[in-house]
Each structure stands twice: as structure tokens, then as C-alpha cells.
Protein backbone atom coordinates (compact mmCIF):
# COMPACT_ATOMS: atom_id res chain seq x y z
CA GLN A 1 0.05 0.02 -0.01
CA VAL A 2 0.97 3.62 -0.85
CA GLN A 3 -0.21 6.59 0.94
CA LEU A 4 -0.37 9.97 -0.80
CA VAL A 5 -1.04 13.34 0.79
CA GLU A 6 -1.01 16.71 -1.32
CA SER A 7 -0.51 20.02 -0.08
CA GLY A 8 0.19 23.49 -1.20
CA GLY A 9 -3.08 24.29 -2.88
CA GLY A 10 -4.78 27.71 -2.32
CA LEU A 11 -5.79 30.95 -3.98
CA VAL A 12 -3.41 32.60 -6.35
CA GLN A 13 -3.92 35.53 -8.88
CA ALA A 14 -3.83 34.99 -12.56
CA GLY A 15 -0.15 35.21 -13.98
CA GLY A 16 1.06 34.02 -10.54
CA SER A 17 2.84 30.77 -9.52
CA ARG A 18 2.12 28.03 -6.99
CA ARG A 19 3.70 24.74 -6.06
CA VAL A 20 1.79 21.87 -4.86
CA ALA A 21 3.55 18.83 -3.25
CA CYS A 22 2.48 15.06 -2.87
CA ALA A 23 4.42 13.35 -0.13
CA ALA A 24 4.38 9.40 -0.30
CA SER A 25 4.59 6.90 2.32
CA GLY A 26 4.07 3.14 2.78
CA SER A 27 5.51 0.71 0.19
CA ILE A 28 7.27 3.50 -1.65
CA PHE A 29 9.86 1.10 -3.04
CA SER A 30 7.30 -0.25 -5.51
CA ILE A 31 6.47 3.12 -7.04
CA THR A 32 7.40 3.41 -10.82
CA MET A 33 5.59 6.44 -12.04
CA MET A 34 3.87 9.27 -10.13
CA GLY A 35 1.94 12.14 -11.64
CA TRP A 36 -1.01 14.68 -11.44
CA TYR A 37 -4.50 14.72 -12.59
CA ARG A 38 -6.93 17.71 -12.09
CA ARG A 39 -10.76 18.09 -12.04
CA ALA A 40 -12.11 21.27 -12.80
CA PRO A 41 -15.74 22.31 -11.58
CA GLY A 42 -18.15 20.27 -13.77
CA LYS A 43 -15.68 18.55 -15.76
CA GLN A 44 -13.93 15.16 -16.08
CA ARG A 45 -10.60 14.55 -14.35
CA ASP A 46 -7.76 15.29 -16.79
CA PHE A 47 -4.12 14.26 -16.99
CA VAL A 48 -1.80 17.01 -16.11
CA ALA A 49 1.73 15.60 -15.82
CA ALA A 50 3.72 12.50 -14.93
CA ILE A 51 7.27 11.52 -14.01
CA THR A 52 9.01 8.07 -13.95
CA SER A 53 11.35 6.91 -11.35
CA GLY A 54 14.14 7.71 -13.80
CA GLY A 55 13.03 11.17 -14.12
CA VAL A 56 11.44 11.07 -17.60
CA THR A 57 8.51 13.65 -17.59
CA ASN A 58 5.43 13.91 -19.76
CA TYR A 59 2.85 16.90 -19.89
CA ALA A 60 -0.53 17.76 -21.04
CA THR A 61 -0.49 20.12 -23.90
CA SER A 62 -2.42 22.69 -21.83
CA VAL A 63 0.28 23.04 -19.22
CA ARG A 64 3.65 22.33 -21.16
CA GLY A 65 5.95 25.13 -20.79
CA ARG A 66 4.23 26.50 -17.75
CA PHE A 67 4.14 23.63 -15.30
CA THR A 68 7.26 21.61 -14.04
CA ILE A 69 6.97 18.10 -12.30
CA SER A 70 9.76 16.95 -10.25
CA ARG A 71 10.61 14.33 -7.51
CA ASP A 72 12.82 14.43 -4.49
CA ASN A 73 13.46 10.91 -3.89
CA ALA A 74 15.06 11.60 -0.58
CA LYS A 75 12.02 13.19 0.81
CA ASN A 76 9.56 10.83 -1.03
CA THR A 77 7.84 13.86 -2.27
CA MET A 78 6.76 14.88 -5.64
CA TYR A 79 6.20 18.50 -6.57
CA LEU A 80 4.12 20.44 -9.47
CA GLN A 81 5.59 23.82 -10.14
CA MET A 82 2.76 25.80 -11.68
CA ASN A 83 3.83 29.34 -13.29
CA SER A 84 1.75 31.71 -15.46
CA LEU A 85 -1.24 30.36 -13.92
CA LYS A 86 -4.61 30.98 -15.72
CA PRO A 87 -8.26 30.95 -14.27
CA GLU A 88 -8.82 27.71 -16.47
CA ASP A 89 -6.09 26.06 -14.15
CA THR A 90 -8.56 26.30 -11.38
CA ALA A 91 -9.23 22.69 -10.38
CA VAL A 92 -8.65 20.05 -7.54
CA TYR A 93 -5.33 18.70 -8.24
CA TYR A 94 -4.92 14.98 -7.48
CA CYS A 95 -1.63 13.12 -7.34
CA TYR A 96 -1.30 9.47 -8.13
CA ALA A 97 1.58 6.81 -7.94
CA ASP A 98 1.67 3.49 -9.97
CA SER A 99 3.34 0.48 -8.49
CA ARG A 100 5.18 -2.32 -9.85
CA VAL A 101 2.24 -4.63 -9.01
CA LEU A 102 0.08 -2.48 -11.49
CA ALA A 103 -1.88 -0.69 -8.77
CA ARG A 104 -2.78 3.00 -8.75
CA TYR A 105 -2.91 5.04 -5.81
CA TRP A 106 -4.40 8.40 -5.09
CA GLY A 107 -4.20 11.38 -2.82
CA GLN A 108 -7.27 13.18 -1.58
CA GLY A 109 -6.61 16.22 -3.72
CA THR A 110 -5.74 19.75 -3.08
CA GLN A 111 -7.58 22.77 -4.48
CA VAL A 112 -5.86 25.47 -6.60
CA THR A 113 -8.07 28.34 -7.48
CA VAL A 114 -6.67 31.02 -9.83
CA SER A 115 -8.48 34.37 -9.85
CA SER A 116 -8.68 36.60 -12.85
């Protein structure tokens, strides 16, 4: 089992920056890939970014160039640095972790609100 806890959400003005974090605990040795999804009000949950254990990253087109995903393996924490935020980035951000046994674990989510 892997437990994930997000933090860092809040209110930010358009054009500003915010960093959200996802702390992992439990069977962290089994984690291969970690990433972020988000769910905007009234919309489905969409992929945002992912990072492999080797540091290979992938981004949704809508955030590429503005968001940066990273991992600090020593702290068992993943980060999403969000710059040039837009009102349409307003969403609940969920982190996830994929394990070698093909299980996916989710955090509880953290709200990011971008005001115009």
C-alpha cells in the first residue's frame, strides 16, 4: 500500500505561481511512476503531468511550458511547480502513484483556485 498526501493548494492570482506537493509513504519502493491529474468544476478528471522513477517527464499540452513536475526521492515527495497560472487552471489537483504490481494509488486532492 502507498499513501499519498497533497499540500500547497490555495488561491493565486492569474499570472502567478504555485507549487503543490505530494508526499508518499508506505511501500514507496514499489512506485514506478507518479503524476498529477486535475478536475475542474463540472468537468472530468484530466491528466496534467507525470514523472517516472528515472526522471522522464510528460505533460498535457495545456500546461507544457508553464508547469514543471519533479521528484525528491530523498524526501519521498513529488512537486508540481505551476507558473503563469490561468483561471482555467482552477481545479482540484490529485496526485497518483503507480506501483510495480500495477496498482494505482490516489491522494485526496488539493484545491487550486486562480482568480482573474
